[in-house]
Amino acid sequence: MEWYEISGIVLLSSFKYIFGVGMAMFAFANDPVKGFLFTTLGGVLGVTAWIFWGEMLLLGWNKLQKWFSVKFLPDMSDKLKSGSKKQRKFTWQNRFIVKVKMSGGLSVIALLGPVLISLPVACLLLIGFGLDRRSAWKMMVISVLCWGVLIFGLVGFFKINISQYFEHIL
């Protein structure tokens, strides 16, 4: 296995964990421990990057929106410059956020994030819903570890070789 194949698995796992797992199962057909190590490394690196640096991405996006509104929508920019704060309304979005928080939705997002939605989306959702970065990081790392142990544990226990199923295609 070459370094660029391993780095591809790590990089893919840092964005869409389950695709990295599939690639690792194919590449490390006879060694699920290596697959677990490289996909978990990619998942943890991705979670760390998105939790701690993803907030800068959101801040940059907000600045870009402000600049766009000042440059191209002068009527809206006057409202932004004046800084007049309106009384907050309890909208359906706020109700949804409260409902998700109260029903344990943050832990569900963290649990299903690596498999169903991508790591960046799950991390930014957790931060966007108001969870502090350290707690979000812990939840996501535990989730990545659990999914890795579950998937590669089953692969190792049942001696699943995914490449044999694709031999006729390749």
C-alpha atoms as a PDB file:
ATOM      1  CA  MET A   1       0.000   0.000   0.000  1.00  0.00           C
ATOM      2  CA  GLU A   2       1.485   3.307  -1.095  1.00  0.00           C
ATOM      3  CA  TRP A   3       1.491   6.523   0.930  1.00  0.00           C
ATOM      4  CA  TYR A   4      -0.861   8.306  -1.471  1.00  0.00           C
ATOM      5  CA  GLU A   5      -3.470   5.561  -1.104  1.00  0.00           C
ATOM      6  CA  ILE A   6      -3.285   5.822   2.680  1.00  0.00           C
ATOM      7  CA  SER A   7      -3.452   9.618   2.565  1.00  0.00           C
ATOM      8  CA  GLY A   8      -6.482   9.327   0.272  1.00  0.00           C
ATOM      9  CA  ILE A   9      -8.236   7.136   2.835  1.00  0.00           C
ATOM     10  CA  VAL A  10      -7.349   9.532   5.656  1.00  0.00           C
ATOM     11  CA  LEU A  11      -8.480  12.571   3.651  1.00  0.00           C
ATOM     12  CA  LEU A  12     -11.722  10.952   2.522  1.00  0.00           C
ATOM     13  CA  SER A  13     -12.456   9.845   6.087  1.00  0.00           C
ATOM     14  CA  SER A  14     -12.002  13.393   7.314  1.00  0.00           C
ATOM     15  CA  PHE A  15     -14.888  14.575   5.113  1.00  0.00           C
ATOM     16  CA  LYS A  16     -17.221  11.644   4.559  1.00  0.00           C
ATOM     17  CA  TYR A  17     -16.276   8.985   7.071  1.00  0.00           C
ATOM     18  CA  ILE A  18     -18.348   6.128   5.687  1.00  0.00           C
ATOM     19  CA  PHE A  19     -16.813   6.507   2.204  1.00  0.00           C
ATOM     20  CA  GLY A  20     -13.346   6.343   3.755  1.00  0.00           C
ATOM     21  CA  VAL A  21     -14.409   3.181   5.585  1.00  0.00           C
ATOM     22  CA  GLY A  22     -15.567   1.611   2.335  1.00  0.00           C
ATOM     23  CA  MET A  23     -12.317   2.516   0.622  1.00  0.00           C
ATOM     24  CA  ALA A  24     -10.306   1.147   3.561  1.00  0.00           C
ATOM     25  CA  MET A  25     -12.291  -2.103   3.560  1.00  0.00           C
ATOM     26  CA  PHE A  26     -11.411  -2.502  -0.090  1.00  0.00           C
ATOM     27  CA  ALA A  27      -7.742  -1.487   0.311  1.00  0.00           C
ATOM     28  CA  PHE A  28      -7.073  -3.383   3.537  1.00  0.00           C
ATOM     29  CA  ALA A  29      -9.127  -6.476   2.769  1.00  0.00           C
ATOM     30  CA  ASN A  30      -6.990  -8.745   4.937  1.00  0.00           C
ATOM     31  CA  ASP A  31      -6.157  -6.305   7.727  1.00  0.00           C
ATOM     32  CA  PRO A  32      -9.135  -4.544   9.340  1.00  0.00           C
ATOM     33  CA  VAL A  33      -6.900  -3.124  12.087  1.00  0.00           C
ATOM     34  CA  LYS A  34      -5.056  -0.933   9.578  1.00  0.00           C
ATOM     35  CA  GLY A  35      -8.365   0.124   8.076  1.00  0.00           C
ATOM     36  CA  PHE A  36      -9.639   1.078  11.520  1.00  0.00           C
ATOM     37  CA  LEU A  37      -6.478   3.033  12.351  1.00  0.00           C
ATOM     38  CA  PHE A  38      -6.371   5.055   9.136  1.00  0.00           C
ATOM     39  CA  THR A  39     -10.078   5.831   8.957  1.00  0.00           C
ATOM     40  CA  THR A  40     -10.191   6.764  12.628  1.00  0.00           C
ATOM     41  CA  LEU A  41      -7.140   8.982  12.168  1.00  0.00           C
ATOM     42  CA  GLY A  42      -8.881  10.704   9.259  1.00  0.00           C
ATOM     43  CA  GLY A  43     -12.128  11.030  11.193  1.00  0.00           C
ATOM     44  CA  VAL A  44     -10.462  12.534  14.257  1.00  0.00           C
ATOM     45  CA  LEU A  45      -8.406  14.934  12.135  1.00  0.00           C
ATOM     46  CA  GLY A  46     -11.528  15.975  10.252  1.00  0.00           C
ATOM     47  CA  VAL A  47     -13.529  16.486  13.442  1.00  0.00           C
ATOM     48  CA  THR A  48     -10.704  18.536  14.949  1.00  0.00           C
ATOM     49  CA  ALA A  49     -10.413  20.700  11.854  1.00  0.00           C
ATOM     50  CA  TRP A  50     -14.138  21.289  11.474  1.00  0.00           C
ATOM     51  CA  ILE A  51     -14.849  21.895  15.158  1.00  0.00           C
ATOM     52  CA  PHE A  52     -11.989  24.291  15.835  1.00  0.00           C
ATOM     53  CA  TRP A  53     -11.549  25.938  12.428  1.00  0.00           C
ATOM     54  CA  GLY A  54     -15.032  25.567  11.008  1.00  0.00           C
ATOM     55  CA  GLU A  55     -16.202  28.428  13.177  1.00  0.00           C
ATOM     56  CA  MET A  56     -13.802  30.701  11.313  1.00  0.00           C
ATOM     57  CA  LEU A  57     -15.462  29.551   8.100  1.00  0.00           C
ATOM     58  CA  LEU A  58     -18.852  30.546   9.495  1.00  0.00           C
ATOM     59  CA  LEU A  59     -17.509  33.918  10.638  1.00  0.00           C
ATOM     60  CA  GLY A  60     -16.012  34.508   7.202  1.00  0.00           C
ATOM     61  CA  TRP A  61     -19.332  33.624   5.601  1.00  0.00           C
ATOM     62  CA  ASN A  62     -21.114  36.149   7.819  1.00  0.00           C
ATOM     63  CA  LYS A  63     -18.598  38.851   6.889  1.00  0.00           C
ATOM     64  CA  LEU A  64     -19.052  38.027   3.226  1.00  0.00           C
ATOM     65  CA  GLN A  65     -22.830  38.342   3.584  1.00  0.00           C
ATOM     66  CA  LYS A  66     -22.444  41.725   5.308  1.00  0.00           C
ATOM     67  CA  TRP A  67     -20.068  42.952   2.616  1.00  0.00           C
ATOM     68  CA  PHE A  68     -22.428  41.770  -0.106  1.00  0.00           C
ATOM     69  CA  SER A  69     -25.395  43.519   1.486  1.00  0.00           C
ATOM     70  CA  VAL A  70     -23.452  46.772   1.943  1.00  0.00           C
ATOM     71  CA  LYS A  71     -22.086  46.664  -1.598  1.00  0.00           C
ATOM     72  CA  PHE A  72     -25.144  45.539  -3.526  1.00  0.00           C
ATOM     73  CA  LEU A  73     -28.143  46.114  -1.253  1.00  0.00           C
ATOM     74  CA  PRO A  74     -27.770  49.646   0.161  1.00  0.00           C
ATOM     75  CA  ASP A  75     -31.253  49.662   1.709  1.00  0.00           C
ATOM     76  CA  MET A  76     -30.373  46.644   3.828  1.00  0.00           C
ATOM     77  CA  SER A  77     -26.941  47.995   4.733  1.00  0.00           C
ATOM     78  CA  ASP A  78     -28.455  51.033   6.460  1.00  0.00           C
ATOM     79  CA  LYS A  79     -30.292  48.725   8.803  1.00  0.00           C
ATOM     80  CA  LEU A  80     -27.094  46.768   9.470  1.00  0.00           C
ATOM     81  CA  LYS A  81     -25.044  49.912  10.108  1.00  0.00           C
ATOM     82  CA  SER A  82     -27.529  51.514  12.448  1.00  0.00           C
ATOM     83  CA  GLY A  83     -27.306  48.551  14.760  1.00  0.00           C
ATOM     84  CA  SER A  84     -30.905  48.906  15.805  1.00  0.00           C
ATOM     85  CA  LYS A  85     -31.904  45.688  17.443  1.00  0.00           C
ATOM     86  CA  LYS A  86     -35.385  44.427  16.943  1.00  0.00           C
ATOM     87  CA  GLN A  87     -37.160  42.416  19.530  1.00  0.00           C
ATOM     88  CA  ARG A  88     -36.529  38.740  18.857  1.00  0.00           C
ATOM     89  CA  LYS A  89     -39.370  36.748  17.464  1.00  0.00           C
ATOM     90  CA  PHE A  90     -39.901  33.130  18.351  1.00  0.00           C
ATOM     91  CA  THR A  91     -39.944  31.687  14.844  1.00  0.00           C
ATOM     92  CA  TRP A  92     -40.350  28.112  13.672  1.00  0.00           C
ATOM     93  CA  GLN A  93     -36.559  27.876  13.318  1.00  0.00           C
ATOM     94  CA  ASN A  94     -36.027  28.831  16.953  1.00  0.00           C
ATOM     95  CA  ARG A  95     -38.703  26.361  17.998  1.00  0.00           C
ATOM     96  CA  PHE A  96     -36.992  23.646  15.964  1.00  0.00           C
ATOM     97  CA  ILE A  97     -33.623  24.365  17.593  1.00  0.00           C
ATOM     98  CA  VAL A  98     -35.160  24.217  21.073  1.00  0.00           C
ATOM     99  CA  LYS A  99     -36.985  20.996  20.166  1.00  0.00           C
ATOM    100  CA  VAL A 100     -33.771  19.380  18.911  1.00  0.00           C
ATOM    101  CA  LYS A 101     -31.858  20.418  22.023  1.00  0.00           C
ATOM    102  CA  MET A 102     -34.547  19.252  24.428  1.00  0.00           C
ATOM    103  CA  SER A 103     -35.071  15.865  22.786  1.00  0.00           C
ATOM    104  CA  GLY A 104     -31.415  14.845  22.907  1.00  0.00           C
ATOM    105  CA  GLY A 105     -30.952  15.719  19.252  1.00  0.00           C
ATOM    106  CA  LEU A 106     -27.377  16.916  19.649  1.00  0.00           C
ATOM    107  CA  SER A 107     -26.208  13.478  20.709  1.00  0.00           C
ATOM    108  CA  VAL A 108     -28.180  11.933  17.827  1.00  0.00           C
ATOM    109  CA  ILE A 109     -26.511  14.336  15.385  1.00  0.00           C
ATOM    110  CA  ALA A 110     -23.116  13.391  16.828  1.00  0.00           C
ATOM    111  CA  LEU A 111     -23.900   9.676  16.723  1.00  0.00           C
ATOM    112  CA  LEU A 112     -25.224   9.558  13.171  1.00  0.00           C
ATOM    113  CA  GLY A 113     -23.014  12.314  11.778  1.00  0.00           C
ATOM    114  CA  PRO A 114     -20.103  10.170  10.584  1.00  0.00           C
ATOM    115  CA  VAL A 115     -22.353   7.696   8.792  1.00  0.00           C
ATOM    116  CA  LEU A 116     -25.473   9.456   7.522  1.00  0.00           C
ATOM    117  CA  ILE A 117     -24.367  13.044   7.151  1.00  0.00           C
ATOM    118  CA  SER A 118     -20.806  14.159   6.626  1.00  0.00           C
ATOM    119  CA  LEU A 119     -18.402  15.117   9.398  1.00  0.00           C
ATOM    120  CA  PRO A 120     -18.288  18.820   8.432  1.00  0.00           C
ATOM    121  CA  VAL A 121     -22.074  19.121   8.430  1.00  0.00           C
ATOM    122  CA  ALA A 122     -22.438  17.325  11.762  1.00  0.00           C
ATOM    123  CA  CYS A 123     -19.685  19.412  13.390  1.00  0.00           C
ATOM    124  CA  LEU A 124     -21.078  22.704  12.130  1.00  0.00           C
ATOM    125  CA  LEU A 125     -24.590  21.700  13.209  1.00  0.00           C
ATOM    126  CA  LEU A 126     -23.385  20.952  16.723  1.00  0.00           C
ATOM    127  CA  ILE A 127     -21.554  24.279  16.913  1.00  0.00           C
ATOM    128  CA  GLY A 128     -24.476  26.098  15.293  1.00  0.00           C
ATOM    129  CA  PHE A 129     -26.913  24.701  17.862  1.00  0.00           C
ATOM    130  CA  GLY A 130     -24.803  26.258  20.592  1.00  0.00           C
ATOM    131  CA  LEU A 131     -22.777  23.337  21.905  1.00  0.00           C
ATOM    132  CA  ASP A 132     -19.330  24.375  23.111  1.00  0.00           C
ATOM    133  CA  ARG A 133     -16.427  23.223  20.976  1.00  0.00           C
ATOM    134  CA  ARG A 134     -14.837  20.902  23.523  1.00  0.00           C
ATOM    135  CA  SER A 135     -18.079  18.981  24.136  1.00  0.00           C
ATOM    136  CA  ALA A 136     -18.799  18.794  20.414  1.00  0.00           C
ATOM    137  CA  TRP A 137     -15.285  17.488  19.784  1.00  0.00           C
ATOM    138  CA  LYS A 138     -15.625  14.807  22.463  1.00  0.00           C
ATOM    139  CA  MET A 139     -19.008  13.675  21.176  1.00  0.00           C
ATOM    140  CA  MET A 140     -17.829  13.453  17.578  1.00  0.00           C
ATOM    141  CA  VAL A 141     -14.564  11.661  18.403  1.00  0.00           C
ATOM    142  CA  ILE A 142     -16.441   9.101  20.510  1.00  0.00           C
ATOM    143  CA  SER A 143     -18.871   8.624  17.639  1.00  0.00           C
ATOM    144  CA  VAL A 144     -16.071   8.089  15.098  1.00  0.00           C
ATOM    145  CA  LEU A 145     -14.367   5.606  17.428  1.00  0.00           C
ATOM    146  CA  CYS A 146     -17.588   3.696  18.065  1.00  0.00           C
ATOM    147  CA  TRP A 147     -18.434   3.450  14.380  1.00  0.00           C
ATOM    148  CA  GLY A 148     -14.892   2.322  13.574  1.00  0.00           C
ATOM    149  CA  VAL A 149     -14.911  -0.364  16.261  1.00  0.00           C
ATOM    150  CA  LEU A 150     -18.351  -1.543  15.179  1.00  0.00           C
ATOM    151  CA  ILE A 151     -17.661  -1.675  11.443  1.00  0.00           C
ATOM    152  CA  PHE A 152     -14.126  -3.030  11.502  1.00  0.00           C
ATOM    153  CA  GLY A 153     -14.904  -5.302  14.437  1.00  0.00           C
ATOM    154  CA  LEU A 154     -17.642  -6.937  12.366  1.00  0.00           C
ATOM    155  CA  VAL A 155     -15.353  -7.096   9.338  1.00  0.00           C
ATOM    156  CA  GLY A 156     -12.627  -8.786  11.385  1.00  0.00           C
ATOM    157  CA  PHE A 157     -14.988 -11.113  13.259  1.00  0.00           C
ATOM    158  CA  PHE A 158     -16.871 -12.354  10.212  1.00  0.00           C
ATOM    159  CA  LYS A 159     -13.785 -12.275   7.940  1.00  0.00           C
ATOM    160  CA  ILE A 160     -15.565 -10.086   5.386  1.00  0.00           C
ATOM    161  CA  ASN A 161     -13.505  -9.402   2.279  1.00  0.00           C
ATOM    162  CA  ILE A 162     -15.320  -6.714   0.343  1.00  0.00           C
ATOM    163  CA  SER A 163     -12.956  -6.903  -2.631  1.00  0.00           C
ATOM    164  CA  GLN A 164     -14.224 -10.401  -3.534  1.00  0.00           C
ATOM    165  CA  TYR A 165     -17.662  -8.936  -4.179  1.00  0.00           C
ATOM    166  CA  PHE A 166     -16.233  -6.480  -6.699  1.00  0.00           C
ATOM    167  CA  GLU A 167     -13.908  -8.841  -8.584  1.00  0.00           C
ATOM    168  CA  HIS A 168     -16.343  -9.335 -11.449  1.00  0.00           C
ATOM    169  CA  ILE A 169     -16.736  -5.554 -11.860  1.00  0.00           C
ATOM    170  CA  LEU A 170     -13.024  -4.799 -11.914  1.00  0.00           C
END
